[in-house]
Amino acid sequence: MPDLPVSAPIWDHPDPFIYEITVEPQHIDDFQHTNNVVYLSFMARTAWEHSKALGLDFATYKKLNRGMVVRRHEMDYLAASHEGDKILCATWITGNDKRLRLRRRFQFIKATTGVTLLRGMSEFVCINIESGKATRMPPEFIEAYQLTARVEADA
């Protein structure tokens, strides 16, 4: 049965940042679906695109000598995607202690069906780029990385 277009995806939280990715041949594994590890790269790409949209690209990170790096990930794989599928990769900032830690939630939806493929979470820590050591967020990070969704467990 062919995929039917969906009018509007049902997101876990309102007003997500959305980055669209098309599954390409190199994303496919021996089971003929998107390899699980590829979803991790999609999460990283979505987070980075959102950061850039907030005005924090790597040039800004370098100028500030600060960056946000991943401390941990969680991913729940809910359905498969296949070559040619368009995935709507959504993210929200759900935690920011305004010192060291930032948390993002993710939801990936297959564009043609509205089926949720993945839910995930990434926790980031602010570092001094030169030393690699954890350090306080600069004011620019505190200002840009405002919460975009409320998740009680992340507050």
C-alpha atoms as a PDB file:
ATOM      1  CA  MET A   1       0.000   0.000   0.000  1.00  0.00           C
ATOM      2  CA  PRO A   2       1.532   3.366  -0.960  1.00  0.00           C
ATOM      3  CA  ASP A   3       2.153   6.104   1.583  1.00  0.00           C
ATOM      4  CA  LEU A   4      -0.601   8.666   1.769  1.00  0.00           C
ATOM      5  CA  PRO A   5       0.250  12.325   2.315  1.00  0.00           C
ATOM      6  CA  VAL A   6      -0.357  13.639   5.803  1.00  0.00           C
ATOM      7  CA  SER A   7      -1.812  17.114   6.260  1.00  0.00           C
ATOM      8  CA  ALA A   8       0.142  18.115   9.363  1.00  0.00           C
ATOM      9  CA  PRO A   9       2.476  16.101  11.580  1.00  0.00           C
ATOM     10  CA  ILE A  10       1.528  15.662  15.217  1.00  0.00           C
ATOM     11  CA  TRP A  11       4.465  16.906  17.225  1.00  0.00           C
ATOM     12  CA  ASP A  12       5.198  16.031  20.847  1.00  0.00           C
ATOM     13  CA  HIS A  13       5.616  19.736  21.637  1.00  0.00           C
ATOM     14  CA  PRO A  14       4.554  22.923  19.852  1.00  0.00           C
ATOM     15  CA  ASP A  15       6.724  25.006  17.519  1.00  0.00           C
ATOM     16  CA  PRO A  16       9.617  22.661  16.748  1.00  0.00           C
ATOM     17  CA  PHE A  17      12.694  23.580  14.777  1.00  0.00           C
ATOM     18  CA  ILE A  18      12.457  21.267  11.754  1.00  0.00           C
ATOM     19  CA  TYR A  19      15.267  20.105   9.514  1.00  0.00           C
ATOM     20  CA  GLU A  20      14.266  17.920   6.564  1.00  0.00           C
ATOM     21  CA  ILE A  21      16.503  15.042   5.526  1.00  0.00           C
ATOM     22  CA  THR A  22      16.033  12.600   2.646  1.00  0.00           C
ATOM     23  CA  VAL A  23      17.249   9.051   3.261  1.00  0.00           C
ATOM     24  CA  GLU A  24      20.026   8.321   0.760  1.00  0.00           C
ATOM     25  CA  PRO A  25      21.502   4.986  -0.413  1.00  0.00           C
ATOM     26  CA  GLN A  26      24.497   5.273   1.947  1.00  0.00           C
ATOM     27  CA  HIS A  27      22.101   5.457   4.936  1.00  0.00           C
ATOM     28  CA  ILE A  28      20.667   1.988   4.228  1.00  0.00           C
ATOM     29  CA  ASP A  29      21.894  -1.141   5.998  1.00  0.00           C
ATOM     30  CA  ASP A  30      21.641  -4.854   5.187  1.00  0.00           C
ATOM     31  CA  PHE A  31      18.044  -4.905   6.441  1.00  0.00           C
ATOM     32  CA  GLN A  32      17.173  -2.358   3.736  1.00  0.00           C
ATOM     33  CA  HIS A  33      16.212   0.382   6.169  1.00  0.00           C
ATOM     34  CA  THR A  34      18.010   3.375   7.631  1.00  0.00           C
ATOM     35  CA  ASN A  35      20.791   2.174   9.881  1.00  0.00           C
ATOM     36  CA  ASN A  36      20.297   3.041  13.551  1.00  0.00           C
ATOM     37  CA  VAL A  37      23.636   4.840  13.752  1.00  0.00           C
ATOM     38  CA  VAL A  38      22.555   7.125  10.914  1.00  0.00           C
ATOM     39  CA  TYR A  39      19.726   8.451  13.082  1.00  0.00           C
ATOM     40  CA  LEU A  40      22.350   9.630  15.552  1.00  0.00           C
ATOM     41  CA  SER A  41      24.013  11.630  12.788  1.00  0.00           C
ATOM     42  CA  PHE A  42      20.587  13.049  11.852  1.00  0.00           C
ATOM     43  CA  MET A  43      20.110  14.161  15.481  1.00  0.00           C
ATOM     44  CA  ALA A  44      23.523  15.832  15.497  1.00  0.00           C
ATOM     45  CA  ARG A  45      22.835  17.560  12.173  1.00  0.00           C
ATOM     46  CA  THR A  46      19.428  18.794  13.334  1.00  0.00           C
ATOM     47  CA  ALA A  47      20.881  20.172  16.578  1.00  0.00           C
ATOM     48  CA  TRP A  48      23.651  21.921  14.678  1.00  0.00           C
ATOM     49  CA  GLU A  49      21.257  23.430  12.124  1.00  0.00           C
ATOM     50  CA  HIS A  50      19.105  24.710  14.980  1.00  0.00           C
ATOM     51  CA  SER A  51      22.152  26.245  16.688  1.00  0.00           C
ATOM     52  CA  LYS A  52      23.089  27.993  13.454  1.00  0.00           C
ATOM     53  CA  ALA A  53      19.518  29.281  13.102  1.00  0.00           C
ATOM     54  CA  LEU A  54      19.872  30.733  16.610  1.00  0.00           C
ATOM     55  CA  GLY A  55      23.013  32.600  15.509  1.00  0.00           C
ATOM     56  CA  LEU A  56      25.546  30.202  17.009  1.00  0.00           C
ATOM     57  CA  ASP A  57      27.611  28.785  14.179  1.00  0.00           C
ATOM     58  CA  PHE A  58      31.114  27.366  14.617  1.00  0.00           C
ATOM     59  CA  ALA A  59      32.727  30.719  13.788  1.00  0.00           C
ATOM     60  CA  THR A  60      30.873  32.189  16.781  1.00  0.00           C
ATOM     61  CA  TYR A  61      31.864  29.227  18.954  1.00  0.00           C
ATOM     62  CA  LYS A  62      35.489  29.744  17.939  1.00  0.00           C
ATOM     63  CA  LYS A  63      35.336  33.507  18.599  1.00  0.00           C
ATOM     64  CA  LEU A  64      33.910  32.833  22.071  1.00  0.00           C
ATOM     65  CA  ASN A  65      36.260  29.865  22.639  1.00  0.00           C
ATOM     66  CA  ARG A  66      33.193  27.961  23.853  1.00  0.00           C
ATOM     67  CA  GLY A  67      31.182  25.115  22.412  1.00  0.00           C
ATOM     68  CA  MET A  68      28.433  22.682  23.315  1.00  0.00           C
ATOM     69  CA  VAL A  69      29.489  19.021  23.086  1.00  0.00           C
ATOM     70  CA  VAL A  70      27.440  15.886  23.643  1.00  0.00           C
ATOM     71  CA  ARG A  71      27.575  14.197  27.019  1.00  0.00           C
ATOM     72  CA  ARG A  72      24.930  11.555  26.339  1.00  0.00           C
ATOM     73  CA  HIS A  73      22.214  10.422  23.934  1.00  0.00           C
ATOM     74  CA  GLU A  74      19.013   8.422  24.274  1.00  0.00           C
ATOM     75  CA  MET A  75      17.147   7.107  21.248  1.00  0.00           C
ATOM     76  CA  ASP A  76      13.941   5.125  20.940  1.00  0.00           C
ATOM     77  CA  TYR A  77      13.524   3.639  17.480  1.00  0.00           C
ATOM     78  CA  LEU A  78       9.812   3.333  16.727  1.00  0.00           C
ATOM     79  CA  ALA A  79       9.546   2.610  12.997  1.00  0.00           C
ATOM     80  CA  ALA A  80      11.800   2.107   9.998  1.00  0.00           C
ATOM     81  CA  SER A  81      12.586   4.491   7.176  1.00  0.00           C
ATOM     82  CA  HIS A  82      13.831   3.571   3.724  1.00  0.00           C
ATOM     83  CA  GLU A  83      15.746   5.020   0.805  1.00  0.00           C
ATOM     84  CA  GLY A  84      14.016   8.081  -0.606  1.00  0.00           C
ATOM     85  CA  ASP A  85      11.928   8.762   2.492  1.00  0.00           C
ATOM     86  CA  LYS A  86      11.765  12.377   3.615  1.00  0.00           C
ATOM     87  CA  ILE A  87      12.193  12.705   7.366  1.00  0.00           C
ATOM     88  CA  LEU A  88      11.098  15.766   9.303  1.00  0.00           C
ATOM     89  CA  CYS A  89      13.653  16.015  12.097  1.00  0.00           C
ATOM     90  CA  ALA A  90      12.323  18.167  14.920  1.00  0.00           C
ATOM     91  CA  THR A  91      14.146  19.435  17.966  1.00  0.00           C
ATOM     92  CA  TRP A  92      13.333  21.464  21.045  1.00  0.00           C
ATOM     93  CA  ILE A  93      15.565  22.838  23.775  1.00  0.00           C
ATOM     94  CA  THR A  94      14.034  21.397  26.932  1.00  0.00           C
ATOM     95  CA  GLY A  95      16.711  22.065  29.521  1.00  0.00           C
ATOM     96  CA  ASN A  96      19.308  24.740  30.154  1.00  0.00           C
ATOM     97  CA  ASP A  97      20.828  25.230  33.589  1.00  0.00           C
ATOM     98  CA  LYS A  98      22.492  28.440  32.290  1.00  0.00           C
ATOM     99  CA  ARG A  99      25.809  27.172  33.624  1.00  0.00           C
ATOM    100  CA  LEU A 100      27.053  23.978  31.956  1.00  0.00           C
ATOM    101  CA  ARG A 101      24.262  21.744  30.673  1.00  0.00           C
ATOM    102  CA  LEU A 102      21.779  21.903  27.831  1.00  0.00           C
ATOM    103  CA  ARG A 103      19.208  19.271  26.875  1.00  0.00           C
ATOM    104  CA  ARG A 104      17.425  18.746  23.562  1.00  0.00           C
ATOM    105  CA  ARG A 105      14.548  16.472  22.665  1.00  0.00           C
ATOM    106  CA  PHE A 106      14.012  15.109  19.170  1.00  0.00           C
ATOM    107  CA  GLN A 107      11.137  13.600  17.218  1.00  0.00           C
ATOM    108  CA  PHE A 108      11.573  12.323  13.677  1.00  0.00           C
ATOM    109  CA  ILE A 109       8.482  11.907  11.519  1.00  0.00           C
ATOM    110  CA  LYS A 110       8.158  10.353   8.084  1.00  0.00           C
ATOM    111  CA  ALA A 111       6.853  13.248   5.997  1.00  0.00           C
ATOM    112  CA  THR A 112       4.451  11.250   3.827  1.00  0.00           C
ATOM    113  CA  THR A 113       2.692   9.342   6.613  1.00  0.00           C
ATOM    114  CA  GLY A 114       3.122  11.339   9.808  1.00  0.00           C
ATOM    115  CA  VAL A 115       4.460   8.219  11.534  1.00  0.00           C
ATOM    116  CA  THR A 116       6.959   8.950  14.305  1.00  0.00           C
ATOM    117  CA  LEU A 117      10.170   7.077  13.520  1.00  0.00           C
ATOM    118  CA  LEU A 118      12.285   8.104  16.492  1.00  0.00           C
ATOM    119  CA  ARG A 119      12.207   9.991  19.756  1.00  0.00           C
ATOM    120  CA  GLY A 120      15.502  11.015  21.252  1.00  0.00           C
ATOM    121  CA  MET A 121      17.309  13.169  23.746  1.00  0.00           C
ATOM    122  CA  SER A 122      20.799  14.643  23.764  1.00  0.00           C
ATOM    123  CA  GLU A 123      22.504  16.247  26.715  1.00  0.00           C
ATOM    124  CA  PHE A 124      25.257  18.764  26.012  1.00  0.00           C
ATOM    125  CA  VAL A 125      27.971  20.330  28.147  1.00  0.00           C
ATOM    126  CA  CYS A 126      29.640  23.666  27.524  1.00  0.00           C
ATOM    127  CA  ILE A 127      33.402  23.439  27.053  1.00  0.00           C
ATOM    128  CA  ASN A 128      36.368  25.707  26.559  1.00  0.00           C
ATOM    129  CA  ILE A 129      37.360  24.791  22.993  1.00  0.00           C
ATOM    130  CA  GLU A 130      41.106  25.279  23.560  1.00  0.00           C
ATOM    131  CA  SER A 131      41.331  23.167  26.721  1.00  0.00           C
ATOM    132  CA  GLY A 132      38.420  20.804  26.131  1.00  0.00           C
ATOM    133  CA  LYS A 133      37.373  21.273  29.763  1.00  0.00           C
ATOM    134  CA  ALA A 134      33.859  21.991  30.979  1.00  0.00           C
ATOM    135  CA  THR A 135      33.265  25.675  31.619  1.00  0.00           C
ATOM    136  CA  ARG A 136      30.390  28.058  32.228  1.00  0.00           C
ATOM    137  CA  MET A 137      28.247  29.124  29.293  1.00  0.00           C
ATOM    138  CA  PRO A 138      28.935  32.601  27.979  1.00  0.00           C
ATOM    139  CA  PRO A 139      26.018  35.059  28.016  1.00  0.00           C
ATOM    140  CA  GLU A 140      25.547  34.506  24.261  1.00  0.00           C
ATOM    141  CA  PHE A 141      24.716  30.825  24.892  1.00  0.00           C
ATOM    142  CA  ILE A 142      22.364  31.603  27.760  1.00  0.00           C
ATOM    143  CA  GLU A 143      20.521  34.099  25.564  1.00  0.00           C
ATOM    144  CA  ALA A 144      20.353  31.960  22.405  1.00  0.00           C
ATOM    145  CA  TYR A 145      19.643  28.586  23.966  1.00  0.00           C
ATOM    146  CA  GLN A 146      16.337  29.479  25.602  1.00  0.00           C
ATOM    147  CA  LEU A 147      13.844  26.707  26.323  1.00  0.00           C
ATOM    148  CA  THR A 148      11.527  26.019  23.411  1.00  0.00           C
ATOM    149  CA  ALA A 149       9.485  23.271  25.104  1.00  0.00           C
ATOM    150  CA  ARG A 150       8.722  22.282  28.653  1.00  0.00           C
ATOM    151  CA  VAL A 151       9.557  18.744  29.755  1.00  0.00           C
ATOM    152  CA  GLU A 152       9.344  18.352  33.531  1.00  0.00           C
ATOM    153  CA  ALA A 153      12.107  15.727  33.637  1.00  0.00           C
ATOM    154  CA  ASP A 154      14.499  18.125  31.883  1.00  0.00           C
ATOM    155  CA  ALA A 155      13.854  21.246  33.952  1.00  0.00           C
END
